[in-house]
Amino acid sequence: MNQLIGRIAHEINNPLAIINEEAGWMQDILNRKDMIGISNYNELAESLIKITKQANLCKEITQNLGKYSLMDQLPDNLKDDINKPLAIISKEAWAMQNILCGKEMANISNYDELTNSLQEITKQADRCKSVADSIGGPEPKETGSYTQ
């Protein structure tokens, strides 16, 4: 059981680290003087905060898996507990992508870097979800799909 738990945590935590790194880099871009006045700045910044918060929540869940190492099985709600924050990450990334697709946003500095980071966040959230879905147990409750 210890090896299984370690593999699950590793396979989820690596993409979460990338999500946090990309979100932090995007926040650095948004905090530049030339970006603060852009249209929808507050919505973009709030979405990044939500993405980071949910990635950290997921990481906390995987870090707490050690307490199950002496049991014969993982908790039934583990898949659902991991998929809920991942659905929020995907939803926020999707919302940010929609904002960045607006006509007035195409000319902002670092547009390509921001959209590439959002694509990477979505890709890594999907990667985490694939690992969570392979855990077994009951199917997760419907959280909706926000990825494109």
C-alpha atoms as a PDB file:
ATOM      1  CA  MET A   1       0.000   0.000   0.000  1.00  0.00           C
ATOM      2  CA  ASN A   2       2.886   2.372   0.754  1.00  0.00           C
ATOM      3  CA  GLN A   3       4.208   2.049  -2.802  1.00  0.00           C
ATOM      4  CA  LEU A   4       0.773   2.675  -4.295  1.00  0.00           C
ATOM      5  CA  ILE A   5       0.292   5.757  -2.152  1.00  0.00           C
ATOM      6  CA  GLY A   6       3.737   7.024  -3.064  1.00  0.00           C
ATOM      7  CA  ARG A   7       3.090   6.570  -6.781  1.00  0.00           C
ATOM      8  CA  ILE A   8      -0.304   8.297  -6.591  1.00  0.00           C
ATOM      9  CA  ALA A   9       1.147  11.248  -4.675  1.00  0.00           C
ATOM     10  CA  HIS A  10       4.115  11.508  -7.055  1.00  0.00           C
ATOM     11  CA  GLU A  11       1.996  11.326 -10.212  1.00  0.00           C
ATOM     12  CA  ILE A  12      -0.339  14.036  -8.909  1.00  0.00           C
ATOM     13  CA  ASN A  13       2.190  16.292  -7.172  1.00  0.00           C
ATOM     14  CA  ASN A  14       4.481  16.687 -10.185  1.00  0.00           C
ATOM     15  CA  PRO A  15       1.760  18.218 -12.392  1.00  0.00           C
ATOM     16  CA  LEU A  16       0.544  20.301  -9.438  1.00  0.00           C
ATOM     17  CA  ALA A  17       4.023  21.787  -9.095  1.00  0.00           C
ATOM     18  CA  ILE A  18       3.906  22.749 -12.778  1.00  0.00           C
ATOM     19  CA  ILE A  19       0.440  24.291 -12.314  1.00  0.00           C
ATOM     20  CA  ASN A  20       1.697  26.373  -9.377  1.00  0.00           C
ATOM     21  CA  GLU A  21       4.812  27.400 -11.295  1.00  0.00           C
ATOM     22  CA  GLU A  22       2.820  28.488 -14.368  1.00  0.00           C
ATOM     23  CA  ALA A  23       0.259  30.339 -12.237  1.00  0.00           C
ATOM     24  CA  GLY A  24       3.028  32.124 -10.346  1.00  0.00           C
ATOM     25  CA  TRP A  25       4.731  33.109 -13.575  1.00  0.00           C
ATOM     26  CA  MET A  26       1.424  34.398 -14.956  1.00  0.00           C
ATOM     27  CA  GLN A  27       0.903  36.413 -11.767  1.00  0.00           C
ATOM     28  CA  ASP A  28       4.362  37.937 -12.234  1.00  0.00           C
ATOM     29  CA  ILE A  29       3.368  38.988 -15.761  1.00  0.00           C
ATOM     30  CA  LEU A  30       0.064  40.464 -14.567  1.00  0.00           C
ATOM     31  CA  ASN A  31       1.865  42.442 -11.865  1.00  0.00           C
ATOM     32  CA  ARG A  32       3.989  44.316 -14.407  1.00  0.00           C
ATOM     33  CA  LYS A  33       3.185  48.017 -14.688  1.00  0.00           C
ATOM     34  CA  ASP A  34       2.034  47.731 -18.294  1.00  0.00           C
ATOM     35  CA  MET A  35      -0.451  44.979 -17.398  1.00  0.00           C
ATOM     36  CA  ILE A  36      -2.179  46.399 -14.319  1.00  0.00           C
ATOM     37  CA  GLY A  37      -4.545  48.604 -16.316  1.00  0.00           C
ATOM     38  CA  ILE A  38      -5.639  45.987 -18.841  1.00  0.00           C
ATOM     39  CA  SER A  39      -9.252  45.062 -19.323  1.00  0.00           C
ATOM     40  CA  ASN A  40     -10.384  42.255 -17.001  1.00  0.00           C
ATOM     41  CA  TYR A  41      -7.197  42.453 -14.921  1.00  0.00           C
ATOM     42  CA  ASN A  42      -9.087  41.723 -11.688  1.00  0.00           C
ATOM     43  CA  GLU A  43     -10.849  38.683 -13.122  1.00  0.00           C
ATOM     44  CA  LEU A  44      -7.555  37.263 -14.396  1.00  0.00           C
ATOM     45  CA  ALA A  45      -5.810  37.869 -11.071  1.00  0.00           C
ATOM     46  CA  GLU A  46      -8.686  36.325  -9.087  1.00  0.00           C
ATOM     47  CA  SER A  47      -8.692  33.240 -11.305  1.00  0.00           C
ATOM     48  CA  LEU A  48      -4.959  32.783 -10.730  1.00  0.00           C
ATOM     49  CA  ILE A  49      -5.511  32.960  -6.980  1.00  0.00           C
ATOM     50  CA  LYS A  50      -8.225  30.292  -7.253  1.00  0.00           C
ATOM     51  CA  ILE A  51      -6.022  28.059  -9.410  1.00  0.00           C
ATOM     52  CA  THR A  52      -3.147  28.287  -6.929  1.00  0.00           C
ATOM     53  CA  LYS A  53      -5.443  27.691  -3.963  1.00  0.00           C
ATOM     54  CA  GLN A  54      -6.981  24.579  -5.532  1.00  0.00           C
ATOM     55  CA  ALA A  55      -3.595  23.190  -6.614  1.00  0.00           C
ATOM     56  CA  ASN A  56      -2.365  23.617  -3.042  1.00  0.00           C
ATOM     57  CA  LEU A  57      -5.513  21.910  -1.729  1.00  0.00           C
ATOM     58  CA  CYS A  58      -4.883  18.949  -4.038  1.00  0.00           C
ATOM     59  CA  LYS A  59      -1.276  18.786  -2.886  1.00  0.00           C
ATOM     60  CA  GLU A  60      -2.427  18.805   0.745  1.00  0.00           C
ATOM     61  CA  ILE A  61      -4.763  15.886   0.013  1.00  0.00           C
ATOM     62  CA  THR A  62      -1.948  13.848  -1.513  1.00  0.00           C
ATOM     63  CA  GLN A  63       0.421  14.725   1.326  1.00  0.00           C
ATOM     64  CA  ASN A  64      -2.141  13.378   3.791  1.00  0.00           C
ATOM     65  CA  LEU A  65      -2.307  10.023   2.020  1.00  0.00           C
ATOM     66  CA  GLY A  66       0.372   8.630   4.317  1.00  0.00           C
ATOM     67  CA  LYS A  67      -2.180   8.033   7.051  1.00  0.00           C
ATOM     68  CA  TYR A  68      -3.776   5.384   4.822  1.00  0.00           C
ATOM     69  CA  SER A  69      -0.583   3.400   4.380  1.00  0.00           C
ATOM     70  CA  LEU A  70      -1.539   0.887   7.072  1.00  0.00           C
ATOM     71  CA  MET A  71      -4.985   0.254   5.616  1.00  0.00           C
ATOM     72  CA  ASP A  72      -5.849  -2.284   2.947  1.00  0.00           C
ATOM     73  CA  GLN A  73      -7.458   0.252   0.648  1.00  0.00           C
ATOM     74  CA  LEU A  74      -7.586   3.923  -0.105  1.00  0.00           C
ATOM     75  CA  PRO A  75     -10.556   5.968   1.110  1.00  0.00           C
ATOM     76  CA  ASP A  76     -13.650   5.770  -1.082  1.00  0.00           C
ATOM     77  CA  ASN A  77     -13.881   9.535  -1.472  1.00  0.00           C
ATOM     78  CA  LEU A  78     -10.249  10.066  -2.533  1.00  0.00           C
ATOM     79  CA  LYS A  79     -11.021  10.279  -6.242  1.00  0.00           C
ATOM     80  CA  ASP A  80     -13.795  12.800  -5.608  1.00  0.00           C
ATOM     81  CA  ASP A  81     -11.642  14.805  -3.168  1.00  0.00           C
ATOM     82  CA  ILE A  82      -8.914  15.164  -5.795  1.00  0.00           C
ATOM     83  CA  ASN A  83     -11.216  15.770  -8.760  1.00  0.00           C
ATOM     84  CA  LYS A  84     -13.164  18.638  -7.133  1.00  0.00           C
ATOM     85  CA  PRO A  85     -10.223  21.066  -6.964  1.00  0.00           C
ATOM     86  CA  LEU A  86      -9.032  19.907 -10.392  1.00  0.00           C
ATOM     87  CA  ALA A  87     -12.429  20.799 -11.872  1.00  0.00           C
ATOM     88  CA  ILE A  88     -12.120  24.294 -10.376  1.00  0.00           C
ATOM     89  CA  ILE A  89      -8.602  24.672 -11.802  1.00  0.00           C
ATOM     90  CA  SER A  90      -9.873  23.673 -15.251  1.00  0.00           C
ATOM     91  CA  LYS A  91     -12.887  25.985 -14.954  1.00  0.00           C
ATOM     92  CA  GLU A  92     -10.749  28.983 -13.988  1.00  0.00           C
ATOM     93  CA  ALA A  93      -8.198  28.289 -16.730  1.00  0.00           C
ATOM     94  CA  TRP A  94     -11.037  28.034 -19.245  1.00  0.00           C
ATOM     95  CA  ALA A  95     -12.538  31.330 -17.998  1.00  0.00           C
ATOM     96  CA  MET A  96      -9.154  33.037 -18.268  1.00  0.00           C
ATOM     97  CA  GLN A  97      -8.670  31.683 -21.775  1.00  0.00           C
ATOM     98  CA  ASN A  98     -12.053  33.136 -22.760  1.00  0.00           C
ATOM     99  CA  ILE A  99     -11.037  36.537 -21.391  1.00  0.00           C
ATOM    100  CA  LEU A 100      -7.730  36.412 -23.251  1.00  0.00           C
ATOM    101  CA  CYS A 101      -9.535  35.522 -26.485  1.00  0.00           C
ATOM    102  CA  GLY A 102     -11.275  38.902 -26.449  1.00  0.00           C
ATOM    103  CA  LYS A 103     -10.324  41.307 -29.245  1.00  0.00           C
ATOM    104  CA  GLU A 104      -8.861  43.901 -26.888  1.00  0.00           C
ATOM    105  CA  MET A 105      -6.583  41.324 -25.269  1.00  0.00           C
ATOM    106  CA  ALA A 106      -4.795  40.064 -28.396  1.00  0.00           C
ATOM    107  CA  ASN A 107      -2.481  43.090 -28.416  1.00  0.00           C
ATOM    108  CA  ILE A 108      -1.351  42.987 -24.797  1.00  0.00           C
ATOM    109  CA  SER A 109       2.272  42.311 -24.072  1.00  0.00           C
ATOM    110  CA  ASN A 110       3.034  38.707 -23.165  1.00  0.00           C
ATOM    111  CA  TYR A 111      -0.251  37.474 -24.691  1.00  0.00           C
ATOM    112  CA  ASP A 112       1.404  34.344 -26.084  1.00  0.00           C
ATOM    113  CA  GLU A 113       3.126  33.543 -22.799  1.00  0.00           C
ATOM    114  CA  LEU A 114      -0.145  33.876 -20.880  1.00  0.00           C
ATOM    115  CA  THR A 115      -2.118  31.670 -23.266  1.00  0.00           C
ATOM    116  CA  ASN A 116       0.670  29.076 -23.392  1.00  0.00           C
ATOM    117  CA  SER A 117       0.741  28.950 -19.589  1.00  0.00           C
ATOM    118  CA  LEU A 118      -3.024  28.462 -19.472  1.00  0.00           C
ATOM    119  CA  GLN A 119      -2.742  25.590 -21.917  1.00  0.00           C
ATOM    120  CA  GLU A 120      -0.061  24.030 -19.737  1.00  0.00           C
ATOM    121  CA  ILE A 121      -2.205  24.448 -16.612  1.00  0.00           C
ATOM    122  CA  THR A 122      -5.121  22.733 -18.348  1.00  0.00           C
ATOM    123  CA  LYS A 123      -2.876  19.937 -19.616  1.00  0.00           C
ATOM    124  CA  GLN A 124      -1.424  19.291 -16.164  1.00  0.00           C
ATOM    125  CA  ALA A 125      -4.860  19.392 -14.489  1.00  0.00           C
ATOM    126  CA  ASP A 126      -6.046  16.789 -17.012  1.00  0.00           C
ATOM    127  CA  ARG A 127      -2.969  14.699 -16.219  1.00  0.00           C
ATOM    128  CA  CYS A 128      -3.802  14.810 -12.494  1.00  0.00           C
ATOM    129  CA  LYS A 129      -7.413  13.916 -13.231  1.00  0.00           C
ATOM    130  CA  SER A 130      -6.311  10.859 -15.234  1.00  0.00           C
ATOM    131  CA  VAL A 131      -4.296   9.646 -12.257  1.00  0.00           C
ATOM    132  CA  ALA A 132      -7.168  10.306  -9.862  1.00  0.00           C
ATOM    133  CA  ASP A 133      -9.614   8.512 -12.148  1.00  0.00           C
ATOM    134  CA  SER A 134      -7.368   5.441 -12.190  1.00  0.00           C
ATOM    135  CA  ILE A 135      -7.426   5.100  -8.398  1.00  0.00           C
ATOM    136  CA  GLY A 136     -10.512   2.920  -8.348  1.00  0.00           C
ATOM    137  CA  GLY A 137     -13.444   3.006  -6.019  1.00  0.00           C
ATOM    138  CA  PRO A 138     -16.707   4.723  -6.892  1.00  0.00           C
ATOM    139  CA  GLU A 139     -16.885   7.038  -9.842  1.00  0.00           C
ATOM    140  CA  PRO A 140     -16.477  10.694  -8.829  1.00  0.00           C
ATOM    141  CA  LYS A 141     -19.563  12.823  -8.558  1.00  0.00           C
ATOM    142  CA  GLU A 142     -20.228  14.871 -11.677  1.00  0.00           C
ATOM    143  CA  THR A 143     -18.213  18.078 -11.379  1.00  0.00           C
ATOM    144  CA  GLY A 144     -18.546  19.163 -14.984  1.00  0.00           C
ATOM    145  CA  SER A 145     -15.878  19.474 -17.593  1.00  0.00           C
ATOM    146  CA  TYR A 146     -14.380  22.845 -18.283  1.00  0.00           C
ATOM    147  CA  THR A 147     -11.497  21.873 -20.493  1.00  0.00           C
ATOM    148  CA  GLN A 148     -11.582  22.624 -24.178  1.00  0.00           C
END
